[in-house]
Amino acid sequence: MAMAANEIESLIKASLPDAVVKVEDLAGDGDHYAATVVSEQFRGLSRVRQHQLVYAALRGRMGGELHALALQTSAPE
């Protein structure tokens, strides 16, 4: 069961409303994505904690509907 890029973006923005999110389907299969997420909520957090926030926003879909997600996260410059 594949997941659409716009659905990934919507889930992330629902949890991180200020986020600028770019999602790219790496393989064209709806299973392998790369996402760049920039949010003020990441300021002062470790990279691991930033990624945990994004994974939490996906509400358990990682490993199921969404097979792989390469993440780049940061606070705005």
Protein backbone atom coordinates (compact mmCIF):
# COMPACT_ATOMS: atom_id res chain seq x y z
CA MET A 1 0.00 0.00 0.00
CA ALA A 2 1.69 3.19 -1.19
CA MET A 3 1.43 6.67 0.25
CA ALA A 4 1.21 9.93 -1.72
CA ALA A 5 3.76 12.72 -1.23
CA ASN A 6 1.01 15.25 -0.51
CA GLU A 7 -0.33 13.01 2.27
CA ILE A 8 3.12 12.91 3.90
CA GLU A 9 3.34 16.69 3.64
CA SER A 10 -0.16 17.14 5.12
CA LEU A 11 0.58 14.90 8.10
CA ILE A 12 3.82 16.72 8.88
CA LYS A 13 2.18 20.16 8.57
CA ALA A 14 -0.68 19.05 10.83
CA SER A 15 1.85 18.45 13.63
CA LEU A 16 4.32 21.19 12.70
CA PRO A 17 2.11 23.96 11.24
CA ASP A 18 4.98 26.40 10.66
CA ALA A 19 7.04 23.83 8.75
CA VAL A 20 8.25 24.25 5.20
CA VAL A 21 8.06 20.73 3.81
CA LYS A 22 9.42 19.36 0.53
CA VAL A 23 8.76 15.71 -0.28
CA GLU A 24 10.30 13.84 -3.22
CA ASP A 25 9.36 10.34 -4.40
CA LEU A 26 12.79 8.79 -4.92
CA ALA A 27 11.81 5.65 -6.80
CA GLY A 28 8.43 6.58 -8.29
CA ASP A 29 6.82 3.77 -6.31
CA GLY A 30 5.14 5.69 -3.48
CA ASP A 31 7.25 3.80 -0.94
CA HIS A 32 10.64 5.56 -0.95
CA TYR A 33 10.70 9.27 -0.20
CA ALA A 34 13.07 12.02 0.80
CA ALA A 35 11.73 14.92 2.85
CA THR A 36 13.21 18.23 3.89
CA VAL A 37 11.46 19.79 6.87
CA VAL A 38 12.34 23.23 8.22
CA SER A 39 10.54 24.32 11.39
CA GLU A 40 11.15 26.80 14.19
CA GLN A 41 10.05 24.03 16.55
CA PHE A 42 13.35 22.26 15.79
CA ARG A 43 15.48 25.11 17.17
CA GLY A 44 17.74 23.86 19.94
CA LEU A 45 16.77 20.20 19.44
CA SER A 46 19.14 17.43 18.48
CA ARG A 47 18.84 15.98 14.99
CA VAL A 48 17.52 12.75 16.53
CA ARG A 49 14.76 14.64 18.39
CA GLN A 50 13.88 16.57 15.21
CA HIS A 51 13.47 13.28 13.33
CA GLN A 52 11.40 11.82 16.17
CA LEU A 53 8.97 14.75 15.85
CA VAL A 54 8.58 14.11 12.12
CA TYR A 55 8.10 10.36 12.62
CA ALA A 56 5.49 11.07 15.31
CA ALA A 57 3.67 13.31 12.83
CA LEU A 58 3.39 10.35 10.45
CA ARG A 59 1.23 8.55 13.04
CA GLY A 60 2.63 5.05 12.76
CA ARG A 61 2.73 4.87 8.97
CA MET A 62 6.50 4.34 8.82
CA GLY A 63 7.24 0.71 8.04
CA GLY A 64 3.70 0.16 6.78
CA GLU A 65 2.24 2.46 4.16
CA LEU A 66 5.53 4.33 4.04
CA HIS A 67 8.50 2.03 3.59
CA ALA A 68 11.42 4.50 3.60
CA LEU A 69 11.84 8.20 4.34
CA ALA A 70 15.20 9.95 4.13
CA LEU A 71 14.94 13.04 6.34
CA GLN A 72 16.75 16.35 6.42
CA THR A 73 15.53 18.59 9.23
CA SER A 74 16.57 22.00 10.49
CA ALA A 75 15.41 25.21 12.09
CA PRO A 76 15.10 28.26 9.82
CA GLU A 77 18.30 30.25 9.33
